Amino acid sequence: MKYDTLSGTSRSYGTGENSSPGEAVFVPAEAGPGTEEDAGWLLSLVSHGTTRGSELLVLNARDLTRAATVEMPRRVPAGVHGSWIPDRQA
């Protein structure tokens, strides 16, 4: 769900019946002059019950439209979290 604290409006993305989205991670677009605060993507692992598997859902953070879906080769259990660690420079 995306909540606008200035206008009091909210927008949500439905993942479907028997689907459980995980905590979304925000990945910012390349920053530059005039970049909006929500320019980037939301990544979430979505589990579709015990038999249908999982997918990585990529949403446009600005309007919550689907940008991509990556079917996972097997079910990813709930509670798995990602870590975004910058590349190390040698």
PDB file of N, CA and C in Angstrom:
ATOM      1  N   MET A   1       0.846  -1.168   0.000  1.00  0.00           N
ATOM      2  CA  MET A   1       0.000   0.000   0.000  1.00  0.00           C
ATOM      3  C   MET A   1       0.893   1.233   0.000  1.00  0.00           C
ATOM      4  N   LYS A   2       0.476   2.213  -0.747  1.00  0.00           N
ATOM      5  CA  LYS A   2       1.182   3.495  -0.791  1.00  0.00           C
ATOM      6  C   LYS A   2       0.252   4.536  -0.188  1.00  0.00           C
ATOM      7  N   TYR A   3       0.742   5.261   0.808  1.00  0.00           N
ATOM      8  CA  TYR A   3      -0.072   6.248   1.500  1.00  0.00           C
ATOM      9  C   TYR A   3       0.545   7.623   1.331  1.00  0.00           C
ATOM     10  N   ASP A   4      -0.250   8.575   0.851  1.00  0.00           N
ATOM     11  CA  ASP A   4       0.189   9.951   0.661  1.00  0.00           C
ATOM     12  C   ASP A   4      -0.175  10.739   1.918  1.00  0.00           C
ATOM     13  N   THR A   5       0.815  11.125   2.689  1.00  0.00           N
ATOM     14  CA  THR A   5       0.550  11.826   3.952  1.00  0.00           C
ATOM     15  C   THR A   5       0.046  13.252   3.742  1.00  0.00           C
ATOM     16  N   LEU A   6       0.309  13.844   2.572  1.00  0.00           N
ATOM     17  CA  LEU A   6      -0.167  15.209   2.319  1.00  0.00           C
ATOM     18  C   LEU A   6      -1.649  15.234   1.955  1.00  0.00           C
ATOM     19  N   SER A   7      -2.062  14.314   1.078  1.00  0.00           N
ATOM     20  CA  SER A   7      -3.460  14.325   0.634  1.00  0.00           C
ATOM     21  C   SER A   7      -4.348  13.373   1.437  1.00  0.00           C
ATOM     22  N   GLY A   8      -3.733  12.425   2.155  1.00  0.00           N
ATOM     23  CA  GLY A   8      -4.507  11.449   2.910  1.00  0.00           C
ATOM     24  C   GLY A   8      -5.057  10.318   2.058  1.00  0.00           C
ATOM     25  N   THR A   9      -4.604  10.229   0.805  1.00  0.00           N
ATOM     26  CA  THR A   9      -5.083   9.176  -0.086  1.00  0.00           C
ATOM     27  C   THR A   9      -4.159   7.965  -0.018  1.00  0.00           C
ATOM     28  N   SER A  10      -4.696   6.821  -0.401  1.00  0.00           N
ATOM     29  CA  SER A  10      -3.868   5.612  -0.438  1.00  0.00           C
ATOM     30  C   SER A  10      -4.174   4.823  -1.704  1.00  0.00           C
ATOM     31  N   ARG A  11      -3.230   3.988  -2.083  1.00  0.00           N
ATOM     32  CA  ARG A  11      -3.349   3.142  -3.256  1.00  0.00           C
ATOM     33  C   ARG A  11      -2.737   1.798  -2.892  1.00  0.00           C
ATOM     34  N   SER A  12      -3.351   0.710  -3.342  1.00  0.00           N
ATOM     35  CA  SER A  12      -2.784  -0.600  -3.019  1.00  0.00           C
ATOM     36  C   SER A  12      -2.728  -1.465  -4.270  1.00  0.00           C
ATOM     37  N   TYR A  13      -1.928  -2.509  -4.180  1.00  0.00           N
ATOM     38  CA  TYR A  13      -1.787  -3.449  -5.282  1.00  0.00           C
ATOM     39  C   TYR A  13      -2.262  -4.799  -4.789  1.00  0.00           C
ATOM     40  N   GLY A  14      -3.229  -5.388  -5.467  1.00  0.00           N
ATOM     41  CA  GLY A  14      -3.744  -6.696  -5.078  1.00  0.00           C
ATOM     42  C   GLY A  14      -2.937  -7.812  -5.719  1.00  0.00           C
ATOM     43  N   THR A  15      -2.552  -8.810  -4.913  1.00  0.00           N
ATOM     44  CA  THR A  15      -1.751  -9.916  -5.443  1.00  0.00           C
ATOM     45  C   THR A  15      -2.588 -11.136  -5.772  1.00  0.00           C
ATOM     46  N   GLY A  16      -3.874 -11.103  -5.481  1.00  0.00           N
ATOM     47  CA  GLY A  16      -4.741 -12.224  -5.824  1.00  0.00           C
ATOM     48  C   GLY A  16      -5.071 -13.088  -4.617  1.00  0.00           C
ATOM     49  N   GLU A  17      -6.094 -13.902  -4.799  1.00  0.00           N
ATOM     50  CA  GLU A  17      -6.559 -14.786  -3.740  1.00  0.00           C
ATOM     51  C   GLU A  17      -5.497 -15.842  -3.414  1.00  0.00           C
ATOM     52  N   ASN A  18      -5.366 -16.173  -2.141  1.00  0.00           N
ATOM     53  CA  ASN A  18      -4.397 -17.162  -1.646  1.00  0.00           C
ATOM     54  C   ASN A  18      -2.949 -16.775  -1.925  1.00  0.00           C
ATOM     55  N   SER A  19      -2.685 -15.494  -2.090  1.00  0.00           N
ATOM     56  CA  SER A  19      -1.325 -15.007  -2.306  1.00  0.00           C
ATOM     57  C   SER A  19      -0.919 -14.131  -1.132  1.00  0.00           C
ATOM     58  N   SER A  20       0.337 -14.256  -0.748  1.00  0.00           N
ATOM     59  CA  SER A  20       0.854 -13.484   0.389  1.00  0.00           C
ATOM     60  C   SER A  20       2.109 -12.733  -0.025  1.00  0.00           C
ATOM     61  N   PRO A  21       2.012 -11.410  -0.169  1.00  0.00           N
ATOM     62  CA  PRO A  21       3.207 -10.651  -0.516  1.00  0.00           C
ATOM     63  C   PRO A  21       4.094 -10.470   0.715  1.00  0.00           C
ATOM     64  N   GLY A  22       5.397 -10.453   0.476  1.00  0.00           N
ATOM     65  CA  GLY A  22       6.341 -10.172   1.553  1.00  0.00           C
ATOM     66  C   GLY A  22       6.588  -8.685   1.663  1.00  0.00           C
ATOM     67  N   GLU A  23       7.398  -8.313   2.610  1.00  0.00           N
ATOM     68  CA  GLU A  23       7.760  -6.913   2.811  1.00  0.00           C
ATOM     69  C   GLU A  23       8.436  -6.382   1.550  1.00  0.00           C
ATOM     70  N   ALA A  24       7.942  -5.275   1.034  1.00  0.00           N
ATOM     71  CA  ALA A  24       8.513  -4.691  -0.184  1.00  0.00           C
ATOM     72  C   ALA A  24       9.796  -3.943   0.145  1.00  0.00           C
ATOM     73  N   VAL A  25      10.738  -3.999  -0.793  1.00  0.00           N
ATOM     74  CA  VAL A  25      12.000  -3.270  -0.693  1.00  0.00           C
ATOM     75  C   VAL A  25      11.998  -2.221  -1.797  1.00  0.00           C
ATOM     76  N   PHE A  26      12.338  -0.981  -1.444  1.00  0.00           N
ATOM     77  CA  PHE A  26      12.390   0.104  -2.425  1.00  0.00           C
ATOM     78  C   PHE A  26      13.781   0.165  -3.036  1.00  0.00           C
ATOM     79  N   VAL A  27      13.833   0.168  -4.372  1.00  0.00           N
ATOM     80  CA  VAL A  27      15.092   0.310  -5.096  1.00  0.00           C
ATOM     81  C   VAL A  27      14.999   1.615  -5.876  1.00  0.00           C
ATOM     82  N   PRO A  28      15.775   2.636  -5.482  1.00  0.00           N
ATOM     83  CA  PRO A  28      15.662   3.935  -6.143  1.00  0.00           C
ATOM     84  C   PRO A  28      16.216   3.918  -7.560  1.00  0.00           C
ATOM     85  N   ALA A  29      15.605   4.753  -8.401  1.00  0.00           N
ATOM     86  CA  ALA A  29      16.150   4.979  -9.741  1.00  0.00           C
ATOM     87  C   ALA A  29      17.399   5.842  -9.571  1.00  0.00           C
ATOM     88  N   GLU A  30      18.147   5.967 -10.610  1.00  0.00           N
ATOM     89  CA  GLU A  30      19.342   6.791 -10.533  1.00  0.00           C
ATOM     90  C   GLU A  30      18.947   8.224 -10.173  1.00  0.00           C
ATOM     91  N   ALA A  31      19.534   8.742  -9.116  1.00  0.00           N
ATOM     92  CA  ALA A  31      19.197  10.085  -8.640  1.00  0.00           C
ATOM     93  C   ALA A  31      19.807  11.149  -9.537  1.00  0.00           C
ATOM     94  N   GLY A  32      19.123  12.260  -9.631  1.00  0.00           N
ATOM     95  CA  GLY A  32      19.609  13.388 -10.410  1.00  0.00           C
ATOM     96  C   GLY A  32      18.751  14.600 -10.109  1.00  0.00           C
ATOM     97  N   PRO A  33      19.081  15.730 -10.682  1.00  0.00           N
ATOM     98  CA  PRO A  33      18.284  16.928 -10.456  1.00  0.00           C
ATOM     99  C   PRO A  33      16.828  16.694 -10.853  1.00  0.00           C
ATOM    100  N   GLY A  34      15.908  17.061  -9.991  1.00  0.00           N
ATOM    101  CA  GLY A  34      14.488  16.944 -10.277  1.00  0.00           C
ATOM    102  C   GLY A  34      13.921  15.549 -10.089  1.00  0.00           C
ATOM    103  N   THR A  35      14.697  14.619  -9.526  1.00  0.00           N
ATOM    104  CA  THR A  35      14.208  13.256  -9.309  1.00  0.00           C
ATOM    105  C   THR A  35      13.157  13.258  -8.199  1.00  0.00           C
ATOM    106  N   GLU A  36      12.008  12.654  -8.475  1.00  0.00           N
ATOM    107  CA  GLU A  36      10.946  12.573  -7.468  1.00  0.00           C
ATOM    108  C   GLU A  36      11.317  11.555  -6.407  1.00  0.00           C
ATOM    109  N   GLU A  37      10.778  11.726  -5.184  1.00  0.00           N
ATOM    110  CA  GLU A  37      11.141  10.843  -4.085  1.00  0.00           C
ATOM    111  C   GLU A  37      10.720   9.396  -4.310  1.00  0.00           C
ATOM    112  N   ASP A  38       9.707   9.153  -5.117  1.00  0.00           N
ATOM    113  CA  ASP A  38       9.246   7.781  -5.347  1.00  0.00           C
ATOM    114  C   ASP A  38       9.664   7.255  -6.723  1.00  0.00           C
ATOM    115  N   ALA A  39      10.704   7.834  -7.303  1.00  0.00           N
ATOM    116  CA  ALA A  39      11.225   7.344  -8.578  1.00  0.00           C
ATOM    117  C   ALA A  39      12.048   6.087  -8.304  1.00  0.00           C
ATOM    118  N   GLY A  40      11.494   4.949  -8.673  1.00  0.00           N
ATOM    119  CA  GLY A  40      12.183   3.686  -8.446  1.00  0.00           C
ATOM    120  C   GLY A  40      11.198   2.540  -8.496  1.00  0.00           C
ATOM    121  N   TRP A  41      11.570   1.430  -7.881  1.00  0.00           N
ATOM    122  CA  TRP A  41      10.759   0.219  -7.942  1.00  0.00           C
ATOM    123  C   TRP A  41      10.582  -0.380  -6.559  1.00  0.00           C
ATOM    124  N   LEU A  42       9.486  -1.095  -6.393  1.00  0.00           N
ATOM    125  CA  LEU A  42       9.238  -1.880  -5.187  1.00  0.00           C
ATOM    126  C   LEU A  42       9.370  -3.348  -5.560  1.00  0.00           C
ATOM    127  N   LEU A  43      10.180  -4.085  -4.814  1.00  0.00           N
ATOM    128  CA  LEU A  43      10.380  -5.515  -5.046  1.00  0.00           C
ATOM    129  C   LEU A  43       9.758  -6.278  -3.894  1.00  0.00           C
ATOM    130  N   SER A  44       8.984  -7.298  -4.219  1.00  0.00           N
ATOM    131  CA  SER A  44       8.342  -8.108  -3.186  1.00  0.00           C
ATOM    132  C   SER A  44       8.268  -9.557  -3.635  1.00  0.00           C
ATOM    133  N   LEU A  45       8.614 -10.477  -2.728  1.00  0.00           N
ATOM    134  CA  LEU A  45       8.407 -11.897  -3.003  1.00  0.00           C
ATOM    135  C   LEU A  45       6.969 -12.230  -2.652  1.00  0.00           C
ATOM    136  N   VAL A  46       6.255 -12.835  -3.587  1.00  0.00           N
ATOM    137  CA  VAL A  46       4.856 -13.190  -3.386  1.00  0.00           C
ATOM    138  C   VAL A  46       4.745 -14.708  -3.393  1.00  0.00           C
ATOM    139  N   SER A  47       4.179 -15.258  -2.322  1.00  0.00           N
ATOM    140  CA  SER A  47       3.974 -16.694  -2.215  1.00  0.00           C
ATOM    141  C   SER A  47       2.529 -16.996  -2.588  1.00  0.00           C
ATOM    142  N   HIS A  48       2.337 -17.997  -3.455  1.00  0.00           N
ATOM    143  CA  HIS A  48       1.001 -18.373  -3.926  1.00  0.00           C
ATOM    144  C   HIS A  48       0.598 -19.710  -3.312  1.00  0.00           C
ATOM    145  N   GLY A  49       0.382 -19.746  -2.027  1.00  0.00           N
ATOM    146  CA  GLY A  49      -0.005 -20.989  -1.370  1.00  0.00           C
ATOM    147  C   GLY A  49       1.143 -21.983  -1.340  1.00  0.00           C
ATOM    148  N   THR A  50       0.843 -23.219  -1.004  1.00  0.00           N
ATOM    149  CA  THR A  50       1.900 -24.215  -0.861  1.00  0.00           C
ATOM    150  C   THR A  50       2.210 -24.952  -2.156  1.00  0.00           C
ATOM    151  N   THR A  51       1.359 -24.839  -3.160  1.00  0.00           N
ATOM    152  CA  THR A  51       1.575 -25.618  -4.376  1.00  0.00           C
ATOM    153  C   THR A  51       1.898 -24.793  -5.611  1.00  0.00           C
ATOM    154  N   ARG A  52       1.546 -23.523  -5.622  1.00  0.00           N
ATOM    155  CA  ARG A  52       1.715 -22.718  -6.837  1.00  0.00           C
ATOM    156  C   ARG A  52       3.061 -22.034  -6.939  1.00  0.00           C
ATOM    157  N   GLY A  53       3.873 -22.050  -5.899  1.00  0.00           N
ATOM    158  CA  GLY A  53       5.194 -21.439  -5.986  1.00  0.00           C
ATOM    159  C   GLY A  53       5.211 -19.976  -5.599  1.00  0.00           C
ATOM    160  N   SER A  54       6.252 -19.285  -6.044  1.00  0.00           N
ATOM    161  CA  SER A  54       6.475 -17.887  -5.678  1.00  0.00           C
ATOM    162  C   SER A  54       6.929 -17.099  -6.894  1.00  0.00           C
ATOM    163  N   GLU A  55       6.831 -15.782  -6.762  1.00  0.00           N
ATOM    164  CA  GLU A  55       7.324 -14.896  -7.813  1.00  0.00           C
ATOM    165  C   GLU A  55       7.923 -13.658  -7.179  1.00  0.00           C
ATOM    166  N   LEU A  56       8.840 -13.048  -7.898  1.00  0.00           N
ATOM    167  CA  LEU A  56       9.370 -11.753  -7.508  1.00  0.00           C
ATOM    168  C   LEU A  56       8.558 -10.732  -8.281  1.00  0.00           C
ATOM    169  N   LEU A  57       7.862  -9.875  -7.582  1.00  0.00           N
ATOM    170  CA  LEU A  57       7.005  -8.861  -8.186  1.00  0.00           C
ATOM    171  C   LEU A  57       7.752  -7.529  -8.172  1.00  0.00           C
ATOM    172  N   VAL A  58       7.828  -6.875  -9.320  1.00  0.00           N
ATOM    173  CA  VAL A  58       8.481  -5.577  -9.454  1.00  0.00           C
ATOM    174  C   VAL A  58       7.412  -4.564  -9.826  1.00  0.00           C
ATOM    175  N   LEU A  59       7.194  -3.591  -8.947  1.00  0.00           N
ATOM    176  CA  LEU A  59       6.191  -2.543  -9.177  1.00  0.00           C
ATOM    177  C   LEU A  59       6.862  -1.197  -9.354  1.00  0.00           C
ATOM    178  N   ASN A  60       6.278  -0.345 -10.197  1.00  0.00           N
ATOM    179  CA  ASN A  60       6.706   1.040 -10.298  1.00  0.00           C
ATOM    180  C   ASN A  60       6.275   1.718  -9.000  1.00  0.00           C
ATOM    181  N   ALA A  61       7.219   2.256  -8.240  1.00  0.00           N
ATOM    182  CA  ALA A  61       6.894   2.841  -6.938  1.00  0.00           C
ATOM    183  C   ALA A  61       6.022   4.085  -7.052  1.00  0.00           C
ATOM    184  N   ARG A  62       6.044   4.731  -8.179  1.00  0.00           N
ATOM    185  CA  ARG A  62       5.273   5.963  -8.358  1.00  0.00           C
ATOM    186  C   ARG A  62       3.771   5.693  -8.381  1.00  0.00           C
ATOM    187  N   ASP A  63       3.341   4.636  -9.118  1.00  0.00           N
ATOM    188  CA  ASP A  63       1.898   4.418  -9.265  1.00  0.00           C
ATOM    189  C   ASP A  63       1.459   2.969  -8.998  1.00  0.00           C
ATOM    190  N   LEU A  64       2.375   2.128  -8.543  1.00  0.00           N
ATOM    191  CA  LEU A  64       2.108   0.719  -8.204  1.00  0.00           C
ATOM    192  C   LEU A  64       1.656  -0.119  -9.392  1.00  0.00           C
ATOM    193  N   THR A  65       2.066   0.258 -10.596  1.00  0.00           N
ATOM    194  CA  THR A  65       1.791  -0.594 -11.749  1.00  0.00           C
ATOM    195  C   THR A  65       2.870  -1.670 -11.838  1.00  0.00           C
ATOM    196  N   ARG A  66       2.485  -2.829 -12.367  1.00  0.00           N
ATOM    197  CA  ARG A  66       3.427  -3.945 -12.489  1.00  0.00           C
ATOM    198  C   ARG A  66       4.448  -3.635 -13.584  1.00  0.00           C
ATOM    199  N   ALA A  67       5.722  -3.687 -13.218  1.00  0.00           N
ATOM    200  CA  ALA A  67       6.800  -3.480 -14.192  1.00  0.00           C
ATOM    201  C   ALA A  67       7.338  -4.814 -14.689  1.00  0.00           C
ATOM    202  N   ALA A  68       7.358  -5.824 -13.814  1.00  0.00           N
ATOM    203  CA  ALA A  68       7.868  -7.145 -14.196  1.00  0.00           C
ATOM    204  C   ALA A  68       7.457  -8.174 -13.160  1.00  0.00           C
ATOM    205  N   THR A  69       7.474  -9.428 -13.581  1.00  0.00           N
ATOM    206  CA  THR A  69       7.243 -10.568 -12.696  1.00  0.00           C
ATOM    207  C   THR A  69       8.283 -11.623 -13.037  1.00  0.00           C
ATOM    208  N   VAL A  70       8.933 -12.149 -12.015  1.00  0.00           N
ATOM    209  CA  VAL A  70       9.924 -13.202 -12.215  1.00  0.00           C
ATOM    210  C   VAL A  70       9.436 -14.437 -11.472  1.00  0.00           C
ATOM    211  N   GLU A  71       9.097 -15.493 -12.225  1.00  0.00           N
ATOM    212  CA  GLU A  71       8.659 -16.739 -11.602  1.00  0.00           C
ATOM    213  C   GLU A  71       9.877 -17.402 -10.957  1.00  0.00           C
ATOM    214  N   MET A  72       9.754 -17.768  -9.686  1.00  0.00           N
ATOM    215  CA  MET A  72      10.847 -18.415  -8.982  1.00  0.00           C
ATOM    216  C   MET A  72      10.830 -19.913  -9.302  1.00  0.00           C
ATOM    217  N   PRO A  73      12.000 -20.552  -9.338  1.00  0.00           N
ATOM    218  CA  PRO A  73      12.044 -21.968  -9.690  1.00  0.00           C
ATOM    219  C   PRO A  73      11.409 -22.873  -8.635  1.00  0.00           C
ATOM    220  N   ARG A  74      11.219 -22.365  -7.431  1.00  0.00           N
ATOM    221  CA  ARG A  74      10.544 -23.123  -6.375  1.00  0.00           C
ATOM    222  C   ARG A  74       9.924 -22.137  -5.396  1.00  0.00           C
ATOM    223  N   ARG A  75       9.093 -22.638  -4.503  1.00  0.00           N
ATOM    224  CA  ARG A  75       8.429 -21.798  -3.512  1.00  0.00           C
ATOM    225  C   ARG A  75       9.457 -21.201  -2.561  1.00  0.00           C
ATOM    226  N   VAL A  76       9.348 -19.894  -2.322  1.00  0.00           N
ATOM    227  CA  VAL A  76      10.205 -19.202  -1.360  1.00  0.00           C
ATOM    228  C   VAL A  76       9.390 -19.028  -0.087  1.00  0.00           C
ATOM    229  N   PRO A  77       9.850 -19.582   1.042  1.00  0.00           N
ATOM    230  CA  PRO A  77       9.059 -19.498   2.270  1.00  0.00           C
ATOM    231  C   PRO A  77       8.914 -18.069   2.785  1.00  0.00           C
ATOM    232  N   ALA A  78       7.810 -17.812   3.457  1.00  0.00           N
ATOM    233  CA  ALA A  78       7.568 -16.494   4.047  1.00  0.00           C
ATOM    234  C   ALA A  78       8.667 -16.181   5.054  1.00  0.00           C
ATOM    235  N   GLY A  79       8.999 -14.930   5.160  1.00  0.00           N
ATOM    236  CA  GLY A  79      10.000 -14.509   6.134  1.00  0.00           C
ATOM    237  C   GLY A  79      11.392 -14.350   5.568  1.00  0.00           C
ATOM    238  N   VAL A  80      11.600 -14.701   4.292  1.00  0.00           N
ATOM    239  CA  VAL A  80      12.914 -14.520   3.692  1.00  0.00           C
ATOM    240  C   VAL A  80      13.042 -13.049   3.315  1.00  0.00           C
ATOM    241  N   HIS A  81      14.093 -12.421   3.764  1.00  0.00           N
ATOM    242  CA  HIS A  81      14.302 -11.000   3.499  1.00  0.00           C
ATOM    243  C   HIS A  81      15.571 -10.807   2.677  1.00  0.00           C
ATOM    244  N   GLY A  82      15.582  -9.763   1.878  1.00  0.00           N
ATOM    245  CA  GLY A  82      16.760  -9.432   1.088  1.00  0.00           C
ATOM    246  C   GLY A  82      17.613  -8.407   1.806  1.00  0.00           C
ATOM    247  N   SER A  83      18.849  -8.351   1.444  1.00  0.00           N
ATOM    248  CA  SER A  83      19.771  -7.343   1.963  1.00  0.00           C
ATOM    249  C   SER A  83      20.421  -6.658   0.773  1.00  0.00           C
ATOM    250  N   TRP A  84      20.391  -5.358   0.777  1.00  0.00           N
ATOM    251  CA  TRP A  84      21.008  -4.606  -0.308  1.00  0.00           C
ATOM    252  C   TRP A  84      22.342  -4.092   0.198  1.00  0.00           C
ATOM    253  N   ILE A  85      23.425  -4.688  -0.282  1.00  0.00           N
ATOM    254  CA  ILE A  85      24.756  -4.352   0.164  1.00  0.00           C
ATOM    255  C   ILE A  85      25.511  -3.763  -1.030  1.00  0.00           C
ATOM    256  N   PRO A  86      26.061  -2.562  -0.859  1.00  0.00           N
ATOM    257  CA  PRO A  86      26.764  -1.957  -1.988  1.00  0.00           C
ATOM    258  C   PRO A  86      27.983  -2.794  -2.395  1.00  0.00           C
ATOM    259  N   ASP A  87      28.330  -2.726  -3.679  1.00  0.00           N
ATOM    260  CA  ASP A  87      29.532  -3.412  -4.149  1.00  0.00           C
ATOM    261  C   ASP A  87      30.752  -2.863  -3.434  1.00  0.00           C
ATOM    262  N   ARG A  88      31.682  -3.757  -3.174  1.00  0.00           N
ATOM    263  CA  ARG A  88      32.933  -3.330  -2.528  1.00  0.00           C
ATOM    264  C   ARG A  88      33.918  -2.896  -3.606  1.00  0.00           C
ATOM    265  N   GLN A  89      34.610  -1.849  -3.335  1.00  0.00           N
ATOM    266  CA  GLN A  89      35.647  -1.376  -4.230  1.00  0.00           C
ATOM    267  C   GLN A  89      36.991  -1.954  -3.767  1.00  0.00           C
ATOM    268  N   ALA A  90      37.766  -2.489  -4.680  1.00  0.00           N
ATOM    269  CA  ALA A  90      39.072  -3.086  -4.312  1.00  0.00           C
ATOM    270  C   ALA A  90      40.095  -2.025  -4.020  1.00  0.00           C
TER     271      ALA A  90
END
